[in-house]
Amino acid sequence: MSEKKHAKHISFDQEAHSSASDEDQKAVEVIPIVGRVHLLPPKHLSRNSIMIEGVEAVAEDQDQVVEPKGSTNNSDHRKKLAVLDAADSEGSDVGQVDQKEWRHKLVKSGSDKNGATIDHDELHSRLLTKKQLSEMAWGVRELSRRLGSMRLKFRVKTIFILTKIYDQDLIPKTRELVKWLLDKERDVKYTVYLERDLKTNKKFDAAGLLEELRQDYVAAGELEEENSQDLNRRMRWWDEGMCRTRPHTFDFVITLGGDGTVLYASWLFQRIVPPVLSFALGSLGFLTKFDYEGYQETLTKAFNEGVTVSLRLRFEGTIMRSQPKRQVRITDGQSGESGSGEDDDALSNANRDLVEELIGEEKEDEHTHKPDGTYEILNEIVVDRGPNPTLSYTEIFGDDEHFTSVLADGICVSTPTGSTAYNLAAGGSLCHPENPVMLVTSICAHTLSFRPIILPDTIVLRVGVPYDARTSSWASFDGRERLELRPGDYVTISASRYPFASVQAPGRRSEDWVNSISGKLGWNTRQKQKAYKKWEK
C-alpha cells in the first residue's frame, strides 16, 4: 500500500487486477491494460474531445474498463481511439486558415456514421480547438495529480536500458546492471534491450557476459547445455527506429547518466513513453532521482512493490513551411489573351505579410503553409539567429492573436521541467514542474522591456520569421534537430498529449525539487545574517 492514507495500490497487467482503498476495500472492475502512463481519463472527455489510448489509473470513483492498444476487443470504444466532432472543428476558435484546412482534411478522411474518427497518431494538439486543448491539458494534469498519490505496480518483463555510452566509466556499471537483471536469482526472466553500439563494445563484452551467465545457470542446474540459446534471446538490441515505431515493446526504462540522458530518452520516445527510472550518474541531476549505489534495492522495490509516477508536461513543436503563393491569371473576355504579362510564377515574398496570413483577413489561400516535421520535447524549443552574425527578427502569436515582434538573439519557450535549463540561463523564472504553464524568455533582446512571460499551457504558440526579415532563424528541439526557419516559416508550440512518465522517489515530490534548486543551483544561498547582541547599560 502507498504511504498516504487515501492512496491506492494498483497492479497493471494483462490479467485480472484489483484496486483497493485503505478505507473501503471496494472492488472495481478488471483493468486489462499494459503499463503505459500517458493519456486522459475517459470520464473527463466530452463527445467533442479527443479520446486517445487507455489510461492507467483508477481513482476513487473511476472503474471503467479501458482496452489496451492492440487488443482484440472490437467494442465501439476501441474503434474510436480518436474522436473529432466535425461541427466543432468548423467553428474552431484556434489556428489559422491553413491549419483549419489540414484539420478539415483529417476530419473528412475518417468520417463514419458515428462521427469523424481518425488515427490517434494523425491528430496533433496544434489542430485542437481551444476547448479541446483545454480539456486535454486539464485531463493530463488531473491524471498526474491522481498518480502522485498512487503506487503503480507493473508486471515488468521487458526492460529498456539507456546508458551514456560515451562515458567509459558507465560501461562497467551497465554490464553489472544487466548481469544482475539476467541473473538466475531473479524471480522474473527479464528481457533486456541495450543500445546496439554496446554489442561490439570491448569493455562491455556482450559475448563474455552471456557466457558468464550461461555457466552460472548450468552450474545451478537451471539450464541445459542444449538450451543455452534461450539466454541469448533475453539480451537484445534497440535502435531509434524501434523506439519510434514499437514503443509498446518496452515495459520499463532505466537510464544511467545525467539529465541529458533522460532528455535523450524523451527524444527517443516521441509518442508513448514507458515509465522512466533514472539513476544519477551525471553532473547536476535535476531529473535523476535515484542513487546507483543502491540500484539492487531500488529496482527490487520498484518491481515488487510498485512506483510513484510523475507526468512531466512535454511540448509538441511543428515546423510549418511557407508555400509559394500563385497568381490567378486574368484573361481578356474577347480575345482570350492574358491580361497580365506574368505567368503562374510564385509571388515575391516581399509582397506577403506573415501576420495577415496567420491571423488577418487573407483567407483566399488556404495553403500558405504546410507541416514539415513534429517533435515532442521535454525541456525547451529555441528559435535563435543560428550562425548569422546579426540579431534575429521574429513574430510571436498566441492562438489568434499577435503578441509582439522580437528583435533579439532568439526566443526560448520552455516547459516547467526545462525552467532550470536554458530558460534560467536566459534570465527566465524558476518554475515548479507541476505548474501547467509555458515560459517565454527572450535571449539578449534589443529592448530592455522584454521581460520573461508565463503563459497557460492551453495556448497554441507560434514563433515565425516574417517575410521581410533580413536573415533566417534556426529552431532547435531539446538541443537536437536544428532546422532553418526561412522567411515565412514558423514553428507551432502546444502542450503535448504524451507527457513524460518519470518515476519518483516515494513521498518526496516537492521536496526533491526544492532541494535540487537549493543544492545544485545554490538558490538564495547566502551567509546567515547575525542577530543583534544586546549590551548592558
Protein backbone atom coordinates (compact mmCIF):
# COMPACT_ATOMS: atom_id res chain seq x y z
CA MET A 1 0.00 0.00 0.00
CA SER A 2 1.05 3.54 -0.51
CA GLU A 3 2.24 5.56 2.44
CA LYS A 4 -0.63 8.02 2.05
CA LYS A 5 -3.92 7.27 3.70
CA HIS A 6 -6.11 7.54 0.63
CA ALA A 7 -3.61 6.17 -1.83
CA LYS A 8 -4.41 3.17 -3.94
CA HIS A 9 -2.42 0.10 -4.81
CA ILE A 10 -2.82 -0.63 -8.49
CA SER A 11 -1.37 -3.55 -10.41
CA PHE A 12 -1.08 -3.16 -14.18
CA ASP A 13 -1.05 -6.41 -16.04
CA GLN A 14 -2.74 -8.12 -18.93
CA GLU A 15 -4.58 -10.35 -16.44
CA ALA A 16 -7.11 -9.53 -13.76
CA HIS A 17 -6.17 -6.92 -11.20
CA SER A 18 -7.79 -5.17 -8.31
CA SER A 19 -7.69 -1.75 -6.70
CA ALA A 20 -8.43 -1.20 -3.04
CA SER A 21 -8.53 1.82 -0.76
CA ASP A 22 -7.25 1.81 2.80
CA GLU A 23 -10.67 2.92 3.98
CA ASP A 24 -13.10 0.84 2.00
CA GLN A 25 -11.80 -2.31 0.19
CA LYS A 26 -14.38 -1.63 -2.54
CA ALA A 27 -13.85 -3.84 -5.57
CA VAL A 28 -13.66 -2.39 -9.03
CA GLU A 29 -13.80 -3.91 -12.47
CA VAL A 30 -10.84 -5.64 -14.02
CA ILE A 31 -8.37 -3.30 -15.74
CA PRO A 32 -6.74 -5.37 -18.52
CA ILE A 33 -4.13 -2.87 -19.64
CA VAL A 34 -0.45 -2.55 -20.21
CA GLY A 35 1.75 -0.22 -18.22
CA ARG A 36 1.86 2.92 -20.30
CA VAL A 37 1.08 6.16 -18.49
CA HIS A 38 0.35 8.90 -20.97
CA LEU A 39 -3.24 9.94 -21.61
CA LEU A 40 -6.63 11.16 -20.43
CA PRO A 41 -9.27 9.56 -18.21
CA PRO A 42 -12.29 8.90 -20.48
CA LYS A 43 -14.67 10.40 -17.88
CA HIS A 44 -13.00 13.78 -18.39
CA LEU A 45 -13.56 13.85 -22.13
CA SER A 46 -16.65 15.20 -23.81
CA ARG A 47 -18.01 13.93 -27.11
CA ASN A 48 -16.21 16.77 -28.84
CA SER A 49 -12.83 15.96 -27.41
CA ILE A 50 -10.02 13.66 -28.33
CA MET A 51 -10.20 10.14 -26.87
CA ILE A 52 -6.83 8.61 -27.30
CA GLU A 53 -5.48 5.42 -25.81
CA GLY A 54 -6.07 3.65 -22.49
CA VAL A 55 -5.46 5.33 -19.17
CA GLU A 56 -3.58 3.55 -16.43
CA ALA A 57 -5.15 5.00 -13.33
CA VAL A 58 -8.21 4.30 -11.21
CA ALA A 59 -9.34 7.00 -8.81
CA GLU A 60 -11.95 6.79 -6.07
CA ASP A 61 -14.90 6.93 -8.47
CA GLN A 62 -13.25 5.60 -11.62
CA ASP A 63 -13.91 1.99 -12.52
CA GLN A 64 -14.15 1.92 -16.27
CA VAL A 65 -12.56 -0.83 -18.29
CA VAL A 66 -10.03 0.55 -20.77
CA GLU A 67 -8.75 -1.70 -23.52
CA PRO A 68 -5.03 -1.67 -24.37
CA LYS A 69 -3.69 -0.79 -27.78
CA GLY A 70 -3.61 -3.95 -29.86
CA SER A 71 -6.50 -5.56 -28.01
CA THR A 72 -8.74 -7.92 -29.97
CA ASN A 73 -11.82 -6.43 -28.35
CA ASN A 74 -13.97 -4.96 -31.12
CA SER A 75 -16.06 -2.68 -28.96
CA ASP A 76 -17.13 0.73 -30.19
CA HIS A 77 -14.82 2.28 -27.63
CA ARG A 78 -11.76 0.76 -29.27
CA LYS A 79 -12.97 1.70 -32.74
CA LYS A 80 -12.81 5.35 -31.74
CA LEU A 81 -9.30 5.86 -30.47
CA ALA A 82 -9.59 9.46 -31.57
CA VAL A 83 -12.91 11.25 -31.93
CA LEU A 84 -13.23 14.66 -33.51
CA ASP A 85 -16.54 16.45 -33.81
CA ALA A 86 -16.75 17.80 -37.34
CA ALA A 87 -19.20 20.51 -36.40
CA ASP A 88 -16.94 21.67 -33.61
CA SER A 89 -13.90 21.79 -35.87
CA GLU A 90 -15.63 24.01 -38.39
CA GLY A 91 -16.16 26.68 -35.77
CA SER A 92 -12.71 26.40 -34.30
CA ASP A 93 -11.53 29.33 -32.28
CA VAL A 94 -7.87 28.47 -32.61
CA GLY A 95 -5.48 28.11 -35.53
CA GLN A 96 -5.10 29.98 -38.78
CA VAL A 97 -6.54 29.29 -42.21
CA ASP A 98 -4.05 26.72 -43.44
CA GLN A 99 -4.24 24.72 -40.21
CA LYS A 100 -8.04 24.72 -40.37
CA GLU A 101 -7.73 23.27 -43.85
CA TRP A 102 -5.47 20.49 -42.56
CA ARG A 103 -7.93 19.81 -39.73
CA HIS A 104 -10.78 19.66 -42.23
CA LYS A 105 -8.88 17.07 -44.26
CA LEU A 106 -8.30 14.97 -41.14
CA VAL A 107 -11.99 15.08 -40.30
CA LYS A 108 -13.08 14.04 -43.80
CA SER A 109 -10.51 11.25 -44.06
CA GLY A 110 -12.00 9.14 -41.30
CA SER A 111 -15.69 10.02 -41.08
CA ASP A 112 -18.35 7.40 -40.38
CA LYS A 113 -21.93 7.33 -39.19
CA ASN A 114 -20.87 7.72 -35.56
CA GLY A 115 -18.83 10.83 -36.23
CA ALA A 116 -15.38 11.58 -37.57
CA THR A 117 -12.71 9.15 -36.47
CA ILE A 118 -9.02 9.35 -37.19
CA ASP A 119 -5.89 7.54 -36.17
CA HIS A 120 -4.56 8.99 -32.94
CA ASP A 121 -1.09 9.44 -34.43
CA GLU A 122 -2.52 11.71 -37.15
CA LEU A 123 -4.02 14.32 -34.83
CA HIS A 124 -1.67 16.90 -33.34
CA SER A 125 -2.50 19.12 -30.40
CA ARG A 126 -1.97 22.23 -32.55
CA LEU A 127 -5.09 21.20 -34.51
CA LEU A 128 -7.36 21.06 -31.47
CA THR A 129 -9.92 23.72 -30.74
CA LYS A 130 -9.43 25.90 -27.68
CA LYS A 131 -11.98 23.85 -25.77
CA GLN A 132 -10.43 20.53 -26.77
CA LEU A 133 -6.91 21.68 -25.92
CA SER A 134 -8.06 22.96 -22.51
CA GLU A 135 -9.84 19.68 -21.74
CA MET A 136 -6.85 17.66 -22.87
CA ALA A 137 -4.41 19.67 -20.75
CA TRP A 138 -6.73 19.56 -17.74
CA GLY A 139 -7.15 15.81 -18.11
CA VAL A 140 -3.39 15.21 -18.13
CA ARG A 141 -2.97 17.41 -15.04
CA GLU A 142 -5.76 15.58 -13.21
CA LEU A 143 -4.29 12.21 -14.12
CA SER A 144 -0.87 13.36 -12.91
CA ARG A 145 -2.37 14.52 -9.61
CA ARG A 146 -4.05 11.18 -9.05
CA LEU A 147 -1.00 9.17 -10.00
CA GLY A 148 1.00 11.19 -7.47
CA SER A 149 -0.98 9.59 -4.64
CA MET A 150 -0.85 6.06 -6.03
CA ARG A 151 1.74 3.34 -6.10
CA LEU A 152 1.60 1.74 -9.52
CA LYS A 153 2.66 -1.86 -9.82
CA PHE A 154 3.62 -3.12 -13.27
CA ARG A 155 4.37 -6.65 -14.32
CA VAL A 156 7.73 -5.85 -15.87
CA LYS A 157 9.19 -8.34 -18.32
CA THR A 158 10.91 -6.20 -20.95
CA ILE A 159 13.39 -3.56 -19.76
CA PHE A 160 14.90 -0.81 -21.91
CA ILE A 161 18.33 0.37 -20.71
CA LEU A 162 19.75 3.69 -21.87
CA THR A 163 23.35 4.48 -20.96
CA LYS A 164 25.59 7.44 -21.65
CA ILE A 165 27.81 5.14 -23.67
CA TYR A 166 30.38 7.85 -24.47
CA ASP A 167 31.36 7.86 -20.80
CA GLN A 168 33.62 4.81 -20.47
CA ASP A 169 33.15 4.77 -16.69
CA LEU A 170 29.48 3.86 -17.16
CA ILE A 171 30.08 0.82 -19.37
CA PRO A 172 31.12 -1.47 -16.46
CA LYS A 173 28.14 -0.22 -14.43
CA THR A 174 25.81 -1.04 -17.30
CA ARG A 175 27.33 -4.51 -17.56
CA GLU A 176 26.88 -5.02 -13.83
CA LEU A 177 23.23 -3.95 -14.02
CA VAL A 178 22.49 -6.23 -16.97
CA LYS A 179 24.13 -9.19 -15.26
CA TRP A 180 22.04 -8.59 -12.15
CA LEU A 181 18.81 -8.38 -14.15
CA LEU A 182 19.55 -11.59 -16.07
CA ASP A 183 20.87 -13.48 -13.06
CA LYS A 184 19.30 -16.79 -12.07
CA GLU A 185 18.34 -15.29 -8.68
CA ARG A 186 15.69 -13.07 -10.26
CA ASP A 187 12.11 -14.25 -9.89
CA VAL A 188 11.21 -12.99 -13.36
CA LYS A 189 13.09 -13.86 -16.53
CA TYR A 190 13.58 -10.32 -17.80
CA THR A 191 14.35 -9.46 -21.40
CA VAL A 192 16.84 -6.59 -21.55
CA TYR A 193 17.22 -4.24 -24.52
CA LEU A 194 20.52 -2.37 -24.88
CA GLU A 195 21.82 0.19 -27.35
CA ARG A 196 23.17 -1.55 -30.43
CA ASP A 197 26.57 0.15 -30.13
CA LEU A 198 27.23 -1.85 -26.96
CA LYS A 199 27.09 -5.09 -28.93
CA THR A 200 30.60 -4.52 -30.26
CA ASN A 201 31.97 -2.61 -27.26
CA LYS A 202 35.03 -4.45 -25.93
CA LYS A 203 34.61 -3.12 -22.42
CA PHE A 204 31.01 -4.32 -22.26
CA ASP A 205 31.91 -7.70 -23.82
CA ALA A 206 28.40 -8.94 -24.57
CA ALA A 207 29.57 -12.42 -25.59
CA GLY A 208 31.62 -12.81 -22.42
CA LEU A 209 28.71 -11.65 -20.27
CA LEU A 210 26.37 -14.20 -21.81
CA GLU A 211 28.96 -16.94 -21.27
CA GLU A 212 29.32 -15.99 -17.59
CA LEU A 213 25.55 -16.13 -17.14
CA ARG A 214 25.30 -19.43 -19.00
CA GLN A 215 27.89 -21.04 -16.75
CA ASP A 216 26.06 -19.82 -13.65
CA TYR A 217 22.76 -21.27 -14.89
CA VAL A 218 24.33 -24.59 -15.89
CA ALA A 219 26.16 -24.91 -12.56
CA ALA A 220 22.91 -24.36 -10.70
CA GLY A 221 21.15 -26.96 -12.82
CA GLU A 222 18.66 -24.41 -14.16
CA LEU A 223 19.79 -24.56 -17.77
CA GLU A 224 20.65 -27.44 -20.06
CA GLU A 225 23.61 -27.13 -22.40
CA GLU A 226 21.42 -27.58 -25.45
CA ASN A 227 19.03 -24.84 -24.29
CA SER A 228 21.70 -22.19 -23.72
CA GLN A 229 20.37 -20.18 -26.67
CA ASP A 230 17.35 -19.24 -24.56
CA LEU A 231 19.62 -16.98 -22.53
CA ASN A 232 20.91 -15.26 -25.66
CA ARG A 233 17.38 -14.25 -26.61
CA ARG A 234 16.98 -12.39 -23.33
CA MET A 235 19.66 -9.84 -24.29
CA ARG A 236 18.53 -7.83 -27.28
CA TRP A 237 19.43 -4.58 -29.00
CA TRP A 238 17.44 -1.46 -29.76
CA ASP A 239 17.81 1.39 -32.24
CA GLU A 240 16.00 4.70 -32.73
CA GLY A 241 13.59 3.30 -35.28
CA MET A 242 12.39 0.67 -32.85
CA CYS A 243 11.70 3.30 -30.18
CA ARG A 244 9.65 5.37 -32.61
CA THR A 245 7.63 2.56 -34.18
CA ARG A 246 7.32 -0.03 -31.39
CA PRO A 247 7.35 1.73 -28.00
CA HIS A 248 4.90 -0.84 -26.62
CA THR A 249 7.69 -3.41 -26.75
CA PHE A 250 9.15 -1.99 -23.53
CA ASP A 251 7.55 -2.18 -20.08
CA PHE A 252 10.11 -0.10 -18.21
CA VAL A 253 13.02 2.25 -18.94
CA ILE A 254 16.20 2.55 -16.86
CA THR A 255 18.68 5.35 -17.59
CA LEU A 256 22.29 5.54 -16.44
CA GLY A 257 23.68 9.05 -16.78
CA GLY A 258 22.60 12.61 -16.14
CA ASP A 259 19.81 14.92 -17.21
CA GLY A 260 20.99 14.76 -20.82
CA THR A 261 20.45 11.00 -20.83
CA VAL A 262 16.88 11.50 -19.58
CA LEU A 263 16.30 14.08 -22.31
CA TYR A 264 17.60 11.59 -24.86
CA ALA A 265 15.08 9.04 -23.56
CA SER A 266 12.33 11.61 -24.12
CA TRP A 267 13.68 12.23 -27.63
CA LEU A 268 13.73 8.53 -28.47
CA PHE A 269 10.11 8.01 -27.40
CA GLN A 270 8.33 10.65 -29.45
CA ARG A 271 4.89 9.32 -28.60
CA ILE A 272 4.24 6.81 -25.82
CA VAL A 273 6.80 6.91 -23.01
CA PRO A 274 7.16 3.88 -20.69
CA PRO A 275 7.87 4.73 -17.02
CA VAL A 276 11.44 6.03 -16.75
CA LEU A 277 13.58 5.34 -13.67
CA SER A 278 16.80 7.37 -13.73
CA PHE A 279 20.00 6.69 -11.81
CA ALA A 280 22.15 9.74 -11.07
CA LEU A 281 25.49 9.22 -12.82
CA GLY A 282 25.88 12.66 -14.38
CA SER A 283 26.73 16.19 -13.27
CA LEU A 284 23.75 18.10 -11.87
CA GLY A 285 20.85 15.69 -11.87
CA PHE A 286 17.52 17.53 -11.70
CA LEU A 287 15.78 14.61 -13.40
CA THR A 288 17.82 11.73 -11.96
CA LYS A 289 16.19 10.76 -8.67
CA PHE A 290 17.95 7.56 -7.61
CA ASP A 291 21.44 6.73 -6.40
CA TYR A 292 23.13 4.00 -8.43
CA GLU A 293 24.90 2.52 -5.40
CA GLY A 294 21.59 1.15 -4.18
CA TYR A 295 20.29 0.01 -7.56
CA GLN A 296 19.54 -3.55 -6.42
CA GLU A 297 17.26 -2.45 -3.59
CA THR A 298 15.71 0.32 -5.71
CA LEU A 299 14.79 -1.97 -8.60
CA THR A 300 13.61 -4.79 -6.34
CA LYS A 301 11.19 -2.45 -4.58
CA ALA A 302 10.09 -0.88 -7.86
CA PHE A 303 9.25 -4.22 -9.46
CA ASN A 304 7.76 -5.90 -6.38
CA GLU A 305 6.06 -3.03 -4.53
CA GLY A 306 5.35 -0.56 -7.33
CA VAL A 307 6.42 3.01 -8.09
CA THR A 308 5.12 6.56 -7.89
CA VAL A 309 4.97 8.29 -11.27
CA SER A 310 5.06 11.99 -12.10
CA LEU A 311 3.76 13.04 -15.51
CA ARG A 312 6.01 15.82 -16.82
CA LEU A 313 4.49 18.20 -19.37
CA ARG A 314 6.02 17.96 -22.84
CA PHE A 315 5.58 20.34 -25.76
CA GLU A 316 4.69 19.42 -29.31
CA GLY A 317 6.60 21.53 -31.81
CA THR A 318 5.76 21.53 -35.52
CA ILE A 319 7.72 23.24 -38.28
CA MET A 320 5.37 24.99 -40.74
CA ARG A 321 6.94 25.78 -44.13
CA SER A 322 5.77 28.67 -46.28
CA GLN A 323 4.37 27.57 -49.64
CA PRO A 324 4.64 29.59 -52.87
CA LYS A 325 1.60 31.75 -53.43
CA ARG A 326 0.37 31.59 -57.03
CA GLN A 327 -1.15 34.38 -59.06
CA VAL A 328 -4.52 33.93 -60.69
CA ARG A 329 -4.25 34.54 -64.45
CA ILE A 330 -6.73 37.11 -65.72
CA THR A 331 -7.79 36.75 -69.38
CA ASP A 332 -9.44 39.17 -71.78
CA GLY A 333 -13.06 38.25 -72.33
CA GLN A 334 -12.97 38.95 -76.09
CA SER A 335 -9.56 37.76 -77.24
CA GLY A 336 -8.95 35.19 -74.53
CA GLU A 337 -5.45 36.55 -74.08
CA SER A 338 -3.88 37.06 -70.71
CA GLY A 339 -4.46 40.46 -69.23
CA SER A 340 -1.12 40.25 -67.43
CA GLY A 341 2.29 39.61 -68.84
CA GLU A 342 3.21 37.41 -65.87
CA ASP A 343 2.93 33.65 -65.81
CA ASP A 344 1.81 31.48 -62.90
CA ASP A 345 5.04 32.18 -61.09
CA ALA A 346 5.36 32.44 -57.33
CA LEU A 347 4.83 35.88 -55.91
CA SER A 348 7.74 37.59 -54.28
CA ASN A 349 7.88 37.12 -50.52
CA ALA A 350 8.21 40.88 -50.22
CA ASN A 351 4.51 41.17 -51.09
CA ARG A 352 3.40 38.82 -48.32
CA ASP A 353 2.68 39.50 -44.66
CA LEU A 354 3.06 36.72 -42.08
CA VAL A 355 0.72 38.44 -39.63
CA GLU A 356 -2.03 38.69 -42.23
CA GLU A 357 -1.60 35.06 -43.27
CA LEU A 358 -1.83 33.75 -39.72
CA ILE A 359 -4.47 35.93 -38.09
CA GLY A 360 -5.50 38.51 -40.70
CA GLU A 361 -8.14 38.62 -43.41
CA GLU A 362 -6.18 36.90 -46.19
CA LYS A 363 -8.34 33.82 -46.36
CA GLU A 364 -8.48 33.30 -50.09
CA ASP A 365 -5.49 30.96 -49.99
CA GLU A 366 -5.80 28.04 -47.58
CA HIS A 367 -2.43 26.56 -48.45
CA THR A 368 0.03 29.19 -47.29
CA HIS A 369 1.91 26.77 -45.03
CA LYS A 370 2.38 23.03 -44.68
CA PRO A 371 3.83 21.00 -41.78
CA ASP A 372 7.38 19.70 -42.11
CA GLY A 373 8.08 17.60 -39.02
CA THR A 374 6.70 17.36 -35.48
CA TYR A 375 8.75 16.83 -32.32
CA GLU A 376 7.90 16.10 -28.68
CA ILE A 377 10.24 17.93 -26.30
CA LEU A 378 10.75 17.88 -22.53
CA ASN A 379 12.91 20.97 -21.93
CA GLU A 380 12.56 23.76 -24.45
CA ILE A 381 12.17 24.90 -28.03
CA VAL A 382 14.62 27.63 -29.02
CA VAL A 383 14.36 29.88 -32.08
CA ASP A 384 17.57 31.88 -32.46
CA ARG A 385 19.84 33.57 -35.00
CA GLY A 386 21.98 30.47 -35.51
CA PRO A 387 25.22 31.17 -37.43
CA ASN A 388 24.04 34.61 -38.56
CA PRO A 389 26.12 37.49 -37.16
CA THR A 390 23.10 39.77 -36.71
CA LEU A 391 20.02 39.65 -34.50
CA SER A 392 17.06 37.52 -35.50
CA TYR A 393 13.68 39.08 -36.22
CA THR A 394 10.64 37.01 -35.28
CA GLU A 395 6.92 37.39 -34.63
CA ILE A 396 5.12 35.73 -31.71
CA PHE A 397 1.46 34.69 -31.90
CA GLY A 398 -0.81 33.14 -29.28
CA ASP A 399 -3.90 31.40 -30.65
CA ASP A 400 -5.44 34.02 -32.99
CA GLU A 401 -3.64 37.00 -31.51
CA HIS A 402 -0.39 38.70 -32.44
CA PHE A 403 1.66 39.12 -29.26
CA THR A 404 4.74 41.05 -30.30
CA SER A 405 7.65 41.41 -32.71
CA VAL A 406 11.03 40.38 -31.34
CA LEU A 407 14.48 41.62 -32.28
CA ALA A 408 16.89 39.51 -30.25
CA ASP A 409 19.42 36.72 -30.35
CA GLY A 410 16.45 34.40 -30.00
CA ILE A 411 13.41 33.17 -28.09
CA CYS A 412 13.30 30.29 -25.60
CA VAL A 413 9.93 28.61 -24.97
CA SER A 414 10.37 26.29 -22.02
CA THR A 415 8.36 23.68 -20.16
CA PRO A 416 8.27 23.82 -16.34
CA THR A 417 10.76 20.94 -16.35
CA GLY A 418 13.12 22.98 -18.54
CA SER A 419 12.87 26.11 -16.40
CA THR A 420 16.20 25.23 -14.74
CA ALA A 421 17.99 24.83 -18.09
CA TYR A 422 18.40 27.31 -20.97
CA ASN A 423 15.42 29.29 -19.67
CA LEU A 424 17.23 30.04 -16.42
CA ALA A 425 20.45 30.98 -18.21
CA ALA A 426 18.47 33.43 -20.36
CA GLY A 427 17.01 35.12 -17.28
CA GLY A 428 13.71 33.24 -17.06
CA SER A 429 11.90 32.28 -13.88
CA LEU A 430 12.28 29.05 -11.96
CA CYS A 431 9.04 27.08 -12.14
CA HIS A 432 7.83 24.02 -10.25
CA PRO A 433 7.39 21.11 -12.71
CA GLU A 434 3.75 20.60 -11.75
CA ASN A 435 2.74 24.07 -12.97
CA PRO A 436 0.71 23.91 -16.23
CA VAL A 437 2.48 26.75 -18.00
CA MET A 438 4.69 27.84 -20.89
CA LEU A 439 7.68 30.04 -20.10
CA VAL A 440 8.64 32.51 -22.84
CA THR A 441 12.04 34.16 -22.39
CA SER A 442 13.98 36.35 -24.82
CA ILE A 443 17.68 35.76 -25.41
CA CYS A 444 19.55 39.08 -25.32
CA ALA A 445 16.63 41.17 -26.58
CA HIS A 446 17.33 44.52 -28.24
CA THR A 447 14.87 46.19 -25.85
CA LEU A 448 15.20 46.30 -22.07
CA SER A 449 11.43 45.99 -21.60
CA PHE A 450 11.07 42.43 -22.91
CA ARG A 451 10.65 40.67 -19.58
CA PRO A 452 10.02 36.92 -19.37
CA ILE A 453 6.35 35.98 -19.51
CA ILE A 454 4.48 32.91 -18.29
CA LEU A 455 1.53 31.67 -20.37
CA PRO A 456 -1.03 28.90 -19.75
CA ASP A 457 -0.40 25.56 -21.43
CA THR A 458 -3.74 25.82 -23.24
CA ILE A 459 -2.33 28.33 -25.74
CA VAL A 460 -1.08 27.36 -29.19
CA LEU A 461 2.03 29.50 -29.53
CA ARG A 462 3.60 30.36 -32.88
CA VAL A 463 7.04 31.83 -33.45
CA GLY A 464 7.63 32.84 -37.06
CA VAL A 465 10.11 34.65 -39.28
CA PRO A 466 8.41 37.49 -41.19
CA TYR A 467 8.78 37.66 -44.95
CA ASP A 468 10.73 40.90 -44.77
CA ALA A 469 13.28 39.62 -42.24
CA ARG A 470 16.90 40.26 -43.20
CA THR A 471 18.07 36.79 -42.19
CA SER A 472 16.64 33.38 -41.43
CA SER A 473 16.38 31.90 -37.94
CA TRP A 474 17.08 28.44 -36.58
CA ALA A 475 14.89 26.22 -34.41
CA SER A 476 16.17 23.52 -32.08
CA PHE A 477 14.20 21.00 -30.03
CA ASP A 478 15.78 19.99 -26.71
CA GLY A 479 19.10 20.93 -28.29
CA ARG A 480 18.58 18.50 -31.18
CA GLU A 481 17.34 18.53 -34.78
CA ARG A 482 18.46 22.08 -35.53
CA LEU A 483 16.43 23.33 -38.50
CA GLU A 484 16.48 26.55 -40.51
CA LEU A 485 13.40 28.77 -40.49
CA ARG A 486 13.44 30.79 -43.68
CA PRO A 487 11.37 33.98 -44.08
CA GLY A 488 7.70 32.98 -43.96
CA ASP A 489 8.28 29.80 -41.92
CA TYR A 490 7.17 29.39 -38.34
CA VAL A 491 7.02 26.81 -35.55
CA THR A 492 3.90 25.97 -33.53
CA ILE A 493 4.26 25.07 -29.85
CA SER A 494 1.49 23.46 -27.82
CA ALA A 495 1.00 21.09 -24.91
CA SER A 496 1.61 17.50 -25.94
CA ARG A 497 -0.82 14.62 -25.47
CA TYR A 498 2.16 12.47 -24.49
CA PRO A 499 3.64 13.54 -21.14
CA PHE A 500 6.89 12.10 -19.84
CA ALA A 501 6.33 9.44 -17.16
CA SER A 502 9.11 9.91 -14.60
CA VAL A 503 9.46 7.51 -11.66
CA GLN A 504 9.77 9.44 -8.40
CA ALA A 505 11.17 8.58 -5.00
CA PRO A 506 8.08 7.97 -2.79
CA GLY A 507 6.79 10.87 -0.74
CA ARG A 508 9.36 13.44 -1.89
CA ARG A 509 7.96 15.19 -4.95
CA SER A 510 8.08 18.86 -3.95
CA GLU A 511 10.91 18.34 -1.50
CA ASP A 512 13.12 16.91 -4.23
CA TRP A 513 12.65 19.93 -6.46
CA VAL A 514 13.28 22.48 -3.71
CA ASN A 515 16.36 20.59 -2.55
CA SER A 516 17.60 20.40 -6.15
CA ILE A 517 17.47 24.13 -6.83
CA SER A 518 18.99 24.86 -3.42
CA GLY A 519 21.73 22.25 -3.50
CA LYS A 520 22.59 22.18 -7.20
CA LEU A 521 21.96 25.81 -8.18
CA GLY A 522 22.65 27.45 -4.84
CA TRP A 523 19.24 29.16 -4.98
CA ASN A 524 19.14 32.03 -2.46
CA THR A 525 22.16 30.63 -0.66
CA ARG A 526 23.92 33.24 1.45
CA GLN A 527 25.58 33.65 4.79
CA LYS A 528 23.04 33.98 7.57
CA GLN A 529 22.57 37.45 8.97
CA LYS A 530 23.71 37.79 12.55
CA ALA A 531 21.29 38.78 15.27
CA TYR A 532 21.80 41.87 17.38
CA LYS A 533 23.78 41.24 20.54
CA LYS A 534 22.28 43.36 23.25
CA TRP A 535 24.59 45.28 25.52
CA GLU A 536 24.04 46.13 29.09
CA LYS A 537 23.66 49.74 30.09
